Amino acid sequence: MKTDAREVIERSLLSCAADSPQMVAEIQARCGESPFVGIVERALWVVLVDHSHQFDEFDFALVAESFVKVVPDGLPTLVDIFNASFESAHVSHYCDRLLDHNAQHGVKLLAQELQADSEPDIDEYIQRLDDIKRPTRADVITVAEAIQQHEERKANPAKVHATGIPWIDGTLTDGGLKDGQLMVIGGRPGAGKSVMMAQVAAGMSSVDSPVLFFTLEMLAAELVGRYSARMSHEQLTETGLLFCDSTSGLASITALSRLERRRRNVSAIVVDYLQLVEVAAQRGQSREQQVAQVSRTMKRLALDLEMPVIVGSQLGRRSEAKTEPTLSDLRESGAIEQDADIVCLLHYDVEIEQTRVDIAKQRNGQKDIATYMVLDGARFQFTHDCAGSDEL
């Protein structure tokens, strides 16, 4: 019987696992709870996991007794696996190879399922494909390794992206947004969060490092019309902005962001706005849980792609009665407050006809600092005199 590459890798890992319960735990951490595809291999893995719970050394006779109940003719295979030699230093390599094979197998099965699906939910399939290609890998690093990573980060600091709004850049610790940061711009309808996100997107974007703008409230053509109130078509072209107005699905947004990061060197993502992002429905999942899922995914996207992600968020209706909205007013989920590195809250003051702009959260930086800006709707921008006395 021909032995394929996948089977060789699976049996090599099982040989490692048979060495000790500690090795089983390491493989679980690197590959997940059930990483084996082969019927015999999967059956042996289940037996080894079951016998490893007490962290006592494996007793071959007891393992064999359990295994042959599931695979009656599997004793020769079990003997070969237990007698095989392996290098513990190669476990990480074996795990990586197994994950690669599993990804290929998963993509093949997903393609077959899609072909047989008469009414496929494309967003769901895209999300599942993304999950297959990016398996979770848990690992522990030593303090020495952490120190080395810290030194490397100091030597190669994350890129800083100016937002194009001088007051915000001056307020942020690093003079702008850093790679991996999630910025949330919150406000009630009419407060100007879409205007501010559009202004930040244009200020950060360039032809060589474009910003990808997911506009969920208006068409790209409408958004360009708004920009045209203060920018010529030539100036707008020079920003290099990229627009997507054709999806509001979370899976599509993440998949397209990853694609454009590789294809066009996208330097930042803007999503207007978080509560409009659609999540594949799961039984028993509340709206708050769905919003939390979007929030966590946006933060994970910023870290994975090493770029800033800026998302808008509605504030709850009760914030209208306040002169100073707070983080607790972020609508539908406390996860937004937890996931965000920077939160900017907007509140239009009817009496003075200006918008209060409050940096309500800044991880590792100054917070609760605010100013007033003028929302120039006709020119689709906020204006602010940084030398003025309106800073609070």
Protein backbone atom coordinates (compact mmCIF):
# COMPACT_ATOMS: atom_id res chain seq x y z
CA MET A 1 0.00 0.00 0.00
CA LYS A 2 1.38 3.37 -1.01
CA THR A 3 2.21 5.77 1.81
CA ASP A 4 1.59 9.46 1.04
CA ALA A 5 3.39 12.49 2.45
CA ARG A 6 0.53 13.36 4.76
CA GLU A 7 0.60 9.90 6.34
CA VAL A 8 4.37 10.10 6.86
CA ILE A 9 4.01 13.45 8.65
CA GLU A 10 1.08 12.27 10.77
CA ARG A 11 2.87 9.10 11.87
CA SER A 12 6.06 11.04 12.60
CA LEU A 13 4.08 13.34 14.88
CA LEU A 14 2.32 10.43 16.53
CA SER A 15 5.72 8.89 17.23
CA CYS A 16 6.62 12.14 18.98
CA ALA A 17 3.30 12.14 20.83
CA ALA A 18 3.83 8.55 22.01
CA ASP A 19 6.99 9.64 23.82
CA SER A 20 5.13 11.46 26.60
CA PRO A 21 1.92 13.26 27.61
CA GLN A 22 3.94 16.48 27.60
CA MET A 23 4.61 15.99 23.90
CA VAL A 24 0.89 15.43 23.30
CA ALA A 25 0.18 18.77 24.97
CA GLU A 26 2.80 20.53 22.82
CA ILE A 27 1.31 19.12 19.61
CA GLN A 28 -2.17 20.17 20.74
CA ALA A 29 -0.94 23.70 21.37
CA ARG A 30 0.71 23.94 17.96
CA CYS A 31 -1.82 22.07 15.80
CA GLY A 32 -5.15 22.17 17.63
CA GLU A 33 -7.28 19.59 19.40
CA SER A 34 -7.85 17.24 16.44
CA PRO A 35 -5.26 17.79 13.69
CA PHE A 36 -5.09 14.27 12.21
CA VAL A 37 -6.97 13.33 9.03
CA GLY A 38 -6.10 9.65 8.56
CA ILE A 39 -8.62 7.28 10.14
CA VAL A 40 -6.03 5.14 11.92
CA GLU A 41 -3.93 8.15 12.88
CA ARG A 42 -6.92 10.05 14.23
CA ALA A 43 -8.01 7.03 16.27
CA LEU A 44 -4.57 6.66 17.85
CA TRP A 45 -4.42 10.38 18.60
CA VAL A 46 -7.73 10.19 20.49
CA VAL A 47 -6.40 7.28 22.55
CA LEU A 48 -3.14 9.10 23.34
CA VAL A 49 -4.98 12.26 24.36
CA ASP A 50 -7.30 10.23 26.58
CA HIS A 51 -4.35 8.48 28.27
CA SER A 52 -2.41 11.73 28.69
CA HIS A 53 -4.89 13.50 30.96
CA GLN A 54 -3.14 12.39 34.17
CA PHE A 55 0.27 13.26 32.71
CA ASP A 56 1.59 9.81 33.69
CA GLU A 57 4.02 8.13 31.31
CA PHE A 58 2.29 6.01 28.66
CA ASP A 59 1.82 2.32 29.37
CA PHE A 60 2.07 0.59 25.98
CA ALA A 61 -0.16 -2.29 27.04
CA LEU A 62 -2.96 0.01 28.18
CA VAL A 63 -2.68 2.20 25.06
CA ALA A 64 -2.72 -0.93 22.86
CA GLU A 65 -5.78 -2.28 24.66
CA SER A 66 -7.72 0.92 23.98
CA PHE A 67 -6.45 1.27 20.40
CA VAL A 68 -7.31 -2.25 19.17
CA LYS A 69 -10.89 -1.77 20.37
CA VAL A 70 -11.19 0.94 17.71
CA VAL A 71 -8.74 -0.44 15.12
CA PRO A 72 -8.76 -4.26 15.58
CA ASP A 73 -5.91 -4.89 13.11
CA GLY A 74 -3.90 -1.82 14.16
CA LEU A 75 -1.41 -3.44 16.55
CA PRO A 76 1.47 -3.66 14.01
CA THR A 77 1.03 0.01 13.18
CA LEU A 78 1.00 0.90 16.88
CA VAL A 79 4.24 -1.04 17.47
CA ASP A 80 5.92 0.72 14.54
CA ILE A 81 4.88 4.15 15.83
CA PHE A 82 6.01 3.48 19.40
CA ASN A 83 9.34 2.03 18.21
CA ALA A 84 10.09 4.78 15.69
CA SER A 85 12.88 7.18 16.53
CA PHE A 86 12.41 10.92 16.19
CA GLU A 87 14.17 14.17 16.96
CA SER A 88 12.26 16.31 19.47
CA ALA A 89 13.78 19.40 17.86
CA HIS A 90 11.82 18.53 14.70
CA VAL A 91 8.40 18.66 16.37
CA SER A 92 7.82 22.26 15.33
CA HIS A 93 8.71 21.39 11.72
CA TYR A 94 6.40 18.35 11.76
CA CYS A 95 3.57 20.51 13.11
CA ASP A 96 4.05 23.13 10.42
CA ARG A 97 4.08 20.47 7.72
CA LEU A 98 0.93 18.87 9.11
CA LEU A 99 -0.87 22.22 9.19
CA ASP A 100 0.13 22.83 5.55
CA HIS A 101 -1.26 19.43 4.51
CA ASN A 102 -4.43 20.01 6.52
CA ALA A 103 -4.93 23.38 4.85
CA GLN A 104 -4.68 21.79 1.41
CA HIS A 105 -7.09 19.05 2.46
CA GLY A 106 -9.50 21.59 3.95
CA VAL A 107 -9.50 23.74 0.82
CA LYS A 108 -10.25 20.65 -1.31
CA LEU A 109 -13.20 19.65 0.89
CA LEU A 110 -14.50 23.22 0.97
CA ALA A 111 -14.38 23.42 -2.82
CA GLN A 112 -16.37 20.19 -3.08
CA GLU A 113 -18.94 21.50 -0.61
CA LEU A 114 -19.25 24.80 -2.50
CA GLN A 115 -19.75 22.97 -5.78
CA ALA A 116 -22.62 20.97 -4.30
CA ASP A 117 -24.26 23.98 -2.59
CA SER A 118 -27.14 25.30 -4.70
CA GLU A 119 -27.50 28.53 -2.66
CA PRO A 120 -24.07 29.23 -1.15
CA ASP A 121 -23.44 32.01 1.35
CA ILE A 122 -20.26 33.36 -0.25
CA ASP A 123 -19.27 35.42 2.79
CA GLU A 124 -19.44 32.30 4.94
CA TYR A 125 -17.28 30.33 2.50
CA ILE A 126 -14.72 33.16 2.36
CA GLN A 127 -14.55 33.25 6.16
CA ARG A 128 -14.11 29.47 6.33
CA LEU A 129 -11.38 29.62 3.68
CA ASP A 130 -9.63 32.35 5.67
CA ASP A 131 -9.84 30.22 8.84
CA ILE A 132 -8.38 27.21 6.99
CA LYS A 133 -5.45 29.23 5.68
CA ARG A 134 -4.73 30.87 9.05
CA PRO A 135 -4.87 28.15 11.71
CA THR A 136 -4.43 29.14 15.34
CA ARG A 137 -0.98 28.28 16.68
CA ALA A 138 -0.34 28.66 20.37
CA ASP A 139 3.17 28.82 21.78
CA VAL A 140 5.04 30.02 24.84
CA ILE A 141 8.18 32.14 24.57
CA THR A 142 10.93 32.53 27.14
CA VAL A 143 11.89 35.83 28.71
CA ALA A 144 15.09 35.74 26.64
CA GLU A 145 13.07 35.40 23.44
CA ALA A 146 10.75 38.20 24.56
CA ILE A 147 13.76 40.45 25.22
CA GLN A 148 15.10 39.69 21.75
CA GLN A 149 11.74 40.55 20.19
CA HIS A 150 11.65 43.78 22.23
CA GLU A 151 15.09 44.78 20.99
CA GLU A 152 14.09 44.01 17.40
CA ARG A 153 11.00 46.19 17.76
CA LYS A 154 13.13 49.03 19.14
CA ALA A 155 15.50 48.70 16.20
CA ASN A 156 12.61 48.51 13.73
CA PRO A 157 9.79 50.65 15.16
CA ALA A 158 6.33 50.36 13.69
CA LYS A 159 5.63 52.84 10.95
CA VAL A 160 3.76 55.98 11.99
CA HIS A 161 0.97 57.22 9.71
CA ALA A 162 -0.05 60.88 9.98
CA THR A 163 -3.83 61.21 9.90
CA GLY A 164 -3.85 64.52 8.06
CA ILE A 165 -5.61 66.23 11.01
CA PRO A 166 -2.84 68.14 12.85
CA TRP A 167 -4.56 68.28 16.25
CA ILE A 168 -5.11 64.52 16.34
CA ASP A 169 -1.52 63.83 15.22
CA GLY A 170 -0.23 66.21 17.90
CA THR A 171 -2.35 64.51 20.56
CA LEU A 172 -1.34 60.95 19.71
CA THR A 173 1.84 59.82 21.47
CA ASP A 174 3.69 58.84 18.30
CA GLY A 175 2.48 61.71 16.12
CA GLY A 176 0.02 59.52 14.22
CA LEU A 177 -1.30 55.98 14.00
CA LYS A 178 1.09 53.05 14.26
CA ASP A 179 0.98 49.74 12.46
CA GLY A 180 -1.20 47.25 14.31
CA GLN A 181 -3.37 49.86 16.01
CA LEU A 182 -7.17 49.90 15.93
CA MET A 183 -8.71 53.38 16.03
CA VAL A 184 -12.43 53.81 16.65
CA ILE A 185 -14.20 57.05 15.74
CA GLY A 186 -17.54 57.18 17.53
CA GLY A 187 -20.47 59.52 17.18
CA ARG A 188 -24.21 59.85 16.83
CA PRO A 189 -25.72 60.27 13.33
CA GLY A 190 -24.83 63.73 12.05
CA ALA A 191 -21.84 64.17 14.35
CA GLY A 192 -19.44 63.81 11.43
CA LYS A 193 -17.78 60.43 11.97
CA SER A 194 -17.99 59.61 8.24
CA VAL A 195 -16.45 62.97 7.40
CA MET A 196 -13.59 62.44 9.84
CA MET A 197 -12.91 58.90 8.60
CA ALA A 198 -12.90 60.13 5.00
CA GLN A 199 -10.55 62.97 5.95
CA VAL A 200 -8.20 60.59 7.78
CA ALA A 201 -8.29 58.11 4.89
CA ALA A 202 -7.29 60.78 2.36
CA GLY A 203 -4.65 62.19 4.71
CA MET A 204 -2.98 58.81 5.21
CA SER A 205 -3.18 57.50 1.64
CA SER A 206 -0.66 57.75 -1.18
CA VAL A 207 -0.25 56.13 -4.58
CA ASP A 208 2.56 53.90 -3.25
CA SER A 209 0.76 53.05 0.02
CA PRO A 210 -2.97 53.38 -0.58
CA VAL A 211 -5.70 53.23 2.03
CA LEU A 212 -8.58 50.83 1.41
CA PHE A 213 -11.91 52.45 2.32
CA PHE A 214 -14.93 50.19 2.91
CA THR A 215 -17.86 52.55 2.53
CA LEU A 216 -20.99 50.85 3.83
CA GLU A 217 -23.28 53.89 3.96
CA MET A 218 -22.74 55.41 0.52
CA LEU A 219 -21.52 54.41 -2.93
CA ALA A 220 -17.92 55.09 -3.93
CA ALA A 221 -19.15 57.51 -6.62
CA GLU A 222 -21.11 59.45 -3.97
CA LEU A 223 -18.08 59.53 -1.68
CA VAL A 224 -15.89 60.84 -4.52
CA GLY A 225 -18.51 63.53 -5.11
CA ARG A 226 -18.15 64.62 -1.48
CA TYR A 227 -14.34 64.68 -1.76
CA SER A 228 -14.63 66.78 -4.93
CA ALA A 229 -15.99 69.65 -2.87
CA ARG A 230 -12.45 70.36 -1.63
CA MET A 231 -10.16 68.35 -3.92
CA SER A 232 -9.69 68.35 -7.67
CA HIS A 233 -9.94 65.03 -9.47
CA GLU A 234 -6.17 65.19 -9.98
CA GLN A 235 -5.56 65.70 -6.24
CA LEU A 236 -7.95 62.90 -5.40
CA THR A 237 -6.22 60.57 -7.86
CA GLU A 238 -2.88 61.38 -6.22
CA THR A 239 -4.15 60.08 -2.88
CA GLY A 240 -4.28 56.58 -4.37
CA LEU A 241 -7.42 55.81 -2.34
CA LEU A 242 -9.13 52.48 -2.97
CA PHE A 243 -12.86 52.05 -2.39
CA CYS A 244 -15.15 49.09 -1.82
CA ASP A 245 -18.90 49.68 -1.71
CA SER A 246 -20.01 46.21 -2.83
CA THR A 247 -19.91 44.26 0.44
CA SER A 248 -20.74 44.66 4.10
CA GLY A 249 -19.85 41.07 5.06
CA LEU A 250 -17.15 40.64 7.68
CA ALA A 251 -15.61 37.67 5.89
CA SER A 252 -15.43 39.55 2.59
CA ILE A 253 -13.92 42.63 4.24
CA THR A 254 -11.15 40.63 5.93
CA ALA A 255 -10.43 38.50 2.84
CA LEU A 256 -10.30 41.52 0.51
CA SER A 257 -8.08 43.43 2.96
CA ARG A 258 -5.57 40.57 3.00
CA LEU A 259 -5.65 40.33 -0.79
CA GLU A 260 -5.12 44.06 -1.35
CA ARG A 261 -2.35 44.14 1.26
CA ARG A 262 -0.40 41.72 -0.93
CA ARG A 263 -1.56 43.00 -4.31
CA ARG A 264 -1.43 46.80 -3.87
CA ASN A 265 0.59 47.29 -0.67
CA VAL A 266 -2.42 48.74 1.15
CA SER A 267 -1.16 50.66 4.20
CA ALA A 268 -4.40 51.09 6.20
CA ILE A 269 -8.03 49.99 6.29
CA VAL A 270 -11.03 52.25 6.97
CA VAL A 271 -14.49 50.80 7.66
CA ASP A 272 -17.52 53.09 7.82
CA TYR A 273 -19.00 51.83 10.10
CA LEU A 274 -18.81 48.91 12.53
CA GLN A 275 -22.51 48.35 13.26
CA LEU A 276 -23.23 48.01 9.52
CA VAL A 277 -20.80 45.11 9.11
CA GLU A 278 -22.72 41.86 8.65
CA VAL A 279 -21.71 38.62 10.38
CA ALA A 280 -22.78 35.14 9.33
CA ALA A 281 -25.60 34.34 11.74
CA GLN A 282 -24.93 31.73 14.40
CA ARG A 283 -27.68 30.13 16.45
CA GLY A 284 -28.14 31.85 19.79
CA GLN A 285 -25.73 34.68 19.00
CA SER A 286 -26.93 38.10 20.19
CA ARG A 287 -26.39 41.36 18.34
CA GLU A 288 -23.92 42.41 21.05
CA GLN A 289 -21.92 39.23 20.43
CA GLN A 290 -21.92 39.89 16.69
CA VAL A 291 -20.61 43.43 17.18
CA ALA A 292 -17.97 42.08 19.55
CA GLN A 293 -16.92 39.58 16.88
CA VAL A 294 -16.52 42.38 14.34
CA SER A 295 -14.52 44.45 16.81
CA ARG A 296 -12.15 41.59 17.66
CA THR A 297 -11.73 40.73 13.98
CA MET A 298 -10.79 44.33 13.14
CA LYS A 299 -8.14 44.37 15.88
CA ARG A 300 -6.81 40.99 14.74
CA LEU A 301 -6.70 42.29 11.16
CA ALA A 302 -4.61 45.29 12.25
CA LEU A 303 -2.13 43.01 14.02
CA ASP A 304 -1.97 40.34 11.33
CA LEU A 305 -1.48 42.80 8.44
CA GLU A 306 0.68 45.17 10.52
CA MET A 307 -1.25 48.30 9.58
CA PRO A 308 -3.69 50.72 11.21
CA VAL A 309 -7.39 49.93 10.98
CA ILE A 310 -9.88 52.78 11.51
CA VAL A 311 -13.53 51.96 12.10
CA GLY A 312 -16.54 54.12 12.81
CA SER A 313 -18.98 53.27 15.58
CA GLN A 314 -22.41 54.51 16.53
CA LEU A 315 -22.92 55.92 20.02
CA GLY A 316 -26.02 54.99 22.00
CA ARG A 317 -29.00 57.34 22.01
CA ARG A 318 -28.45 58.30 25.65
CA SER A 319 -25.24 60.09 24.65
CA GLU A 320 -27.36 62.84 23.05
CA ALA A 321 -28.32 64.05 26.51
CA LYS A 322 -24.68 64.42 27.52
CA THR A 323 -22.24 67.23 26.85
CA GLU A 324 -19.37 64.76 26.99
CA PRO A 325 -19.98 61.21 25.65
CA THR A 326 -17.95 58.47 27.31
CA LEU A 327 -16.55 55.10 26.26
CA SER A 328 -19.59 53.38 27.74
CA ASP A 329 -21.72 55.07 25.05
CA LEU A 330 -20.17 52.97 22.28
CA ARG A 331 -23.22 51.20 20.96
CA GLU A 332 -24.03 47.52 21.47
CA SER A 333 -20.76 46.16 22.80
CA GLY A 334 -18.16 46.84 25.49
CA ALA A 335 -15.73 44.84 23.36
CA ILE A 336 -15.18 47.90 21.14
CA GLU A 337 -13.75 49.83 24.08
CA GLN A 338 -11.53 46.89 25.04
CA ASP A 339 -10.21 46.12 21.55
CA ALA A 340 -9.47 49.68 20.45
CA ASP A 341 -6.05 51.24 20.96
CA ILE A 342 -7.43 54.73 20.32
CA VAL A 343 -11.00 55.96 20.67
CA CYS A 344 -12.05 59.35 19.34
CA LEU A 345 -15.56 60.47 20.32
CA LEU A 346 -17.45 63.20 18.44
CA HIS A 347 -20.31 65.24 19.89
CA TYR A 348 -21.99 68.14 18.12
CA ASP A 349 -22.69 71.08 20.46
CA VAL A 350 -25.83 72.79 19.21
CA GLU A 351 -25.26 75.97 21.25
CA ILE A 352 -21.84 76.82 19.83
CA GLU A 353 -22.38 74.95 16.54
CA GLN A 354 -19.07 73.11 16.88
CA THR A 355 -18.08 69.49 17.37
CA ARG A 356 -16.31 68.35 20.51
CA VAL A 357 -13.51 65.93 19.53
CA ASP A 358 -12.38 63.84 22.49
CA ILE A 359 -9.50 61.35 22.57
CA ALA A 360 -11.28 59.22 25.17
CA LYS A 361 -8.78 56.36 25.05
CA GLN A 362 -5.16 56.08 24.00
CA ARG A 363 -3.33 52.95 24.99
CA ASN A 364 0.05 53.95 26.45
CA GLY A 365 -0.72 57.62 25.91
CA GLN A 366 -2.64 60.67 27.12
CA LYS A 367 -6.41 60.34 27.14
CA ASP A 368 -9.44 62.46 27.99
CA ILE A 369 -8.05 65.37 26.03
CA ALA A 370 -10.49 67.27 23.85
CA THR A 371 -10.90 70.23 21.56
CA TYR A 372 -13.63 71.78 19.43
CA MET A 373 -13.62 71.63 15.65
CA VAL A 374 -15.91 73.00 12.96
CA LEU A 375 -17.61 70.51 10.69
CA ASP A 376 -17.55 72.09 7.23
CA GLY A 377 -20.18 69.94 5.57
CA ALA A 378 -19.97 71.78 2.26
CA ARG A 379 -16.27 70.93 1.94
CA PHE A 380 -16.55 67.51 3.65
CA GLN A 381 -13.93 68.19 6.31
CA PHE A 382 -13.24 69.29 9.86
CA THR A 383 -11.27 72.49 10.43
CA HIS A 384 -9.39 73.50 13.56
CA ASP A 385 -7.01 76.26 14.58
CA CYS A 386 -4.32 74.44 16.57
CA ALA A 387 -2.98 77.74 17.88
CA GLY A 388 -6.39 78.74 19.23
CA SER A 389 -7.61 78.70 22.83
CA ASP A 390 -10.41 76.17 22.37
CA GLU A 391 -8.41 73.15 23.54
CA LEU A 392 -9.66 71.79 26.85
